Structures are given as C-alpha cells and as structure tokens.
C-alpha cells in the first residue's frame, strides 16, 4: 500500500500576505477564525507569505475563503510539494 493511499494527497497553497502576519500564531488565529466550526487547513509558514496545507478537494474553497477574509491575502501558487513552493520564493 502506498502512503498517499492511507493519508490522502495534500496540496500546499502559497499566499502573499500584505500587510504580513507578525508571526505564525497570528496566522493560525486568522485561519482558524475564517474556518470556525470546520476543519481548518494546516498553516505551514507565515510572515510575508502564508503556506497552508489542505486536501485537493478543499483547495478551491480554502483559496476563496482566505482571499475574501483579508484584502491583502492573495493566492500565488498551488503545489503538491513544499519544496517546489519554497523554490518559488
């Protein structure tokens, strides 16, 4: 059995945050407040850029909700690996 079959595939979405988050805690608080009552995506990095992990099925909803939640939060790129997103920075 392949690991992806057990845990499922993941997507990493890179957002540009303007103004930047002070720290990861502020970013997590913001994401949790947007997805209150639902399973929020996992915040990987924060600051001038925000990287969140979600399932491929939830990607479009995550992008739409986070983009609408804060004016300076713009989606830049989506990838299946963190390495590719970090190389974009």
C-alpha atoms as a PDB file:
ATOM      1  CA  UNK A   1       0.000   0.000   0.000  1.00  0.00           C
ATOM      2  CA  UNK A   2       1.297   3.440  -0.912  1.00  0.00           C
ATOM      3  CA  UNK A   3       1.423   6.050   1.856  1.00  0.00           C
ATOM      4  CA  UNK A   4      -0.676   8.507  -0.170  1.00  0.00           C
ATOM      5  CA  UNK A   5      -3.491   5.961  -0.303  1.00  0.00           C
ATOM      6  CA  UNK A   6      -3.633   5.878   3.504  1.00  0.00           C
ATOM      7  CA  UNK A   7      -3.201   9.549   4.415  1.00  0.00           C
ATOM      8  CA  UNK A   8      -4.550  11.075   1.212  1.00  0.00           C
ATOM      9  CA  UNK A   9      -2.999  13.570  -1.133  1.00  0.00           C
ATOM     10  CA  UNK A  10      -2.154  17.075   0.007  1.00  0.00           C
ATOM     11  CA  UNK A  11      -1.982  20.454  -1.654  1.00  0.00           C
ATOM     12  CA  UNK A  12       0.085  23.372  -0.465  1.00  0.00           C
ATOM     13  CA  UNK A  13      -1.208  26.826  -1.342  1.00  0.00           C
ATOM     14  CA  UNK A  14       1.108  29.840  -1.257  1.00  0.00           C
ATOM     15  CA  UNK A  15      -0.463  33.197  -0.417  1.00  0.00           C
ATOM     16  CA  UNK A  16       1.098  36.641  -0.441  1.00  0.00           C
ATOM     17  CA  UNK A  17       0.191  38.473   2.776  1.00  0.00           C
ATOM     18  CA  UNK A  18       0.189  42.254   2.684  1.00  0.00           C
ATOM     19  CA  UNK A  19       0.493  43.518   5.406  1.00  0.00           C
ATOM     20  CA  UNK A  20       2.483  40.498   6.628  1.00  0.00           C
ATOM     21  CA  UNK A  21       1.481  38.455   9.647  1.00  0.00           C
ATOM     22  CA  UNK A  22       3.556  39.238  12.751  1.00  0.00           C
ATOM     23  CA  UNK A  23       4.186  35.566  13.457  1.00  0.00           C
ATOM     24  CA  UNK A  24       2.840  32.072  12.860  1.00  0.00           C
ATOM     25  CA  UNK A  25       0.466  32.324  15.851  1.00  0.00           C
ATOM     26  CA  UNK A  26      -1.316  35.322  14.329  1.00  0.00           C
ATOM     27  CA  UNK A  27      -1.660  33.481  11.014  1.00  0.00           C
ATOM     28  CA  UNK A  28      -3.060  30.378  12.706  1.00  0.00           C
ATOM     29  CA  UNK A  29      -5.547  32.501  14.656  1.00  0.00           C
ATOM     30  CA  UNK A  30      -6.681  34.205  11.440  1.00  0.00           C
ATOM     31  CA  UNK A  31      -7.111  30.916   9.542  1.00  0.00           C
ATOM     32  CA  UNK A  32      -8.977  29.309  12.452  1.00  0.00           C
ATOM     33  CA  UNK A  33     -11.322  32.300  12.699  1.00  0.00           C
ATOM     34  CA  UNK A  34     -12.146  32.036   8.988  1.00  0.00           C
ATOM     35  CA  UNK A  35     -12.905  28.304   9.207  1.00  0.00           C
ATOM     36  CA  UNK A  36     -14.690  28.403  12.576  1.00  0.00           C
ATOM     37  CA  UNK A  37     -16.684  25.195  13.042  1.00  0.00           C
ATOM     38  CA  UNK A  38     -14.971  23.489  10.117  1.00  0.00           C
ATOM     39  CA  UNK A  39     -11.685  21.646   9.890  1.00  0.00           C
ATOM     40  CA  UNK A  40      -9.225  24.447   9.101  1.00  0.00           C
ATOM     41  CA  UNK A  41      -6.251  23.935   6.781  1.00  0.00           C
ATOM     42  CA  UNK A  42      -2.843  23.487   8.383  1.00  0.00           C
ATOM     43  CA  UNK A  43      -0.618  26.598   8.443  1.00  0.00           C
ATOM     44  CA  UNK A  44       2.976  25.766   7.475  1.00  0.00           C
ATOM     45  CA  UNK A  45       4.678  29.176   7.296  1.00  0.00           C
ATOM     46  CA  UNK A  46       3.687  32.739   7.964  1.00  0.00           C
ATOM     47  CA  UNK A  47       5.071  36.239   7.587  1.00  0.00           C
ATOM     48  CA  UNK A  48       5.115  37.984   4.222  1.00  0.00           C
ATOM     49  CA  UNK A  49       3.925  34.728   2.694  1.00  0.00           C
ATOM     50  CA  UNK A  50       1.473  32.190   4.043  1.00  0.00           C
ATOM     51  CA  UNK A  51       1.574  28.491   3.138  1.00  0.00           C
ATOM     52  CA  UNK A  52      -1.425  26.344   4.051  1.00  0.00           C
ATOM     53  CA  UNK A  53      -1.916  22.625   3.561  1.00  0.00           C
ATOM     54  CA  UNK A  54      -5.291  21.228   2.542  1.00  0.00           C
ATOM     55  CA  UNK A  55      -6.791  18.364   0.577  1.00  0.00           C
ATOM     56  CA  UNK A  56      -7.143  18.675  -3.214  1.00  0.00           C
ATOM     57  CA  UNK A  57     -10.938  18.634  -2.862  1.00  0.00           C
ATOM     58  CA  UNK A  58     -10.899  21.574  -0.425  1.00  0.00           C
ATOM     59  CA  UNK A  59      -8.345  23.677  -2.321  1.00  0.00           C
ATOM     60  CA  UNK A  60     -10.768  25.943  -4.167  1.00  0.00           C
ATOM     61  CA  UNK A  61     -12.858  26.559  -1.032  1.00  0.00           C
ATOM     62  CA  UNK A  62      -9.748  27.350   1.026  1.00  0.00           C
ATOM     63  CA  UNK A  63      -8.481  29.800  -1.606  1.00  0.00           C
ATOM     64  CA  UNK A  64     -11.871  31.502  -1.909  1.00  0.00           C
ATOM     65  CA  UNK A  65     -12.436  31.826   1.854  1.00  0.00           C
ATOM     66  CA  UNK A  66      -8.943  33.055   2.713  1.00  0.00           C
ATOM     67  CA  UNK A  67      -8.855  35.510  -0.201  1.00  0.00           C
ATOM     68  CA  UNK A  68     -12.170  37.003   0.888  1.00  0.00           C
ATOM     69  CA  UNK A  69     -11.177  37.143   4.572  1.00  0.00           C
ATOM     70  CA  UNK A  70      -8.362  39.685   4.257  1.00  0.00           C
ATOM     71  CA  UNK A  71      -7.845  42.174   1.404  1.00  0.00           C
ATOM     72  CA  UNK A  72      -4.067  41.697   1.114  1.00  0.00           C
ATOM     73  CA  UNK A  73      -4.142  37.888   1.106  1.00  0.00           C
ATOM     74  CA  UNK A  74      -3.659  36.784  -2.500  1.00  0.00           C
ATOM     75  CA  UNK A  75      -3.104  33.217  -3.743  1.00  0.00           C
ATOM     76  CA  UNK A  76       0.089  32.909  -5.774  1.00  0.00           C
ATOM     77  CA  UNK A  77       0.620  29.234  -6.478  1.00  0.00           C
ATOM     78  CA  UNK A  78      -0.541  25.713  -5.593  1.00  0.00           C
ATOM     79  CA  UNK A  79       1.719  22.681  -5.473  1.00  0.00           C
ATOM     80  CA  UNK A  80       1.807  19.111  -4.255  1.00  0.00           C
ATOM     81  CA  UNK A  81       5.187  19.618  -2.567  1.00  0.00           C
ATOM     82  CA  UNK A  82       6.615  22.198  -0.190  1.00  0.00           C
ATOM     83  CA  UNK A  83       9.970  22.082  -1.965  1.00  0.00           C
ATOM     84  CA  UNK A  84       8.516  23.461  -5.168  1.00  0.00           C
ATOM     85  CA  UNK A  85       6.687  26.283  -3.366  1.00  0.00           C
ATOM     86  CA  UNK A  86       9.739  27.255  -1.351  1.00  0.00           C
ATOM     87  CA  UNK A  87      11.845  27.333  -4.509  1.00  0.00           C
ATOM     88  CA  UNK A  88       9.329  29.852  -5.913  1.00  0.00           C
ATOM     89  CA  UNK A  89      10.060  32.229  -3.025  1.00  0.00           C
END
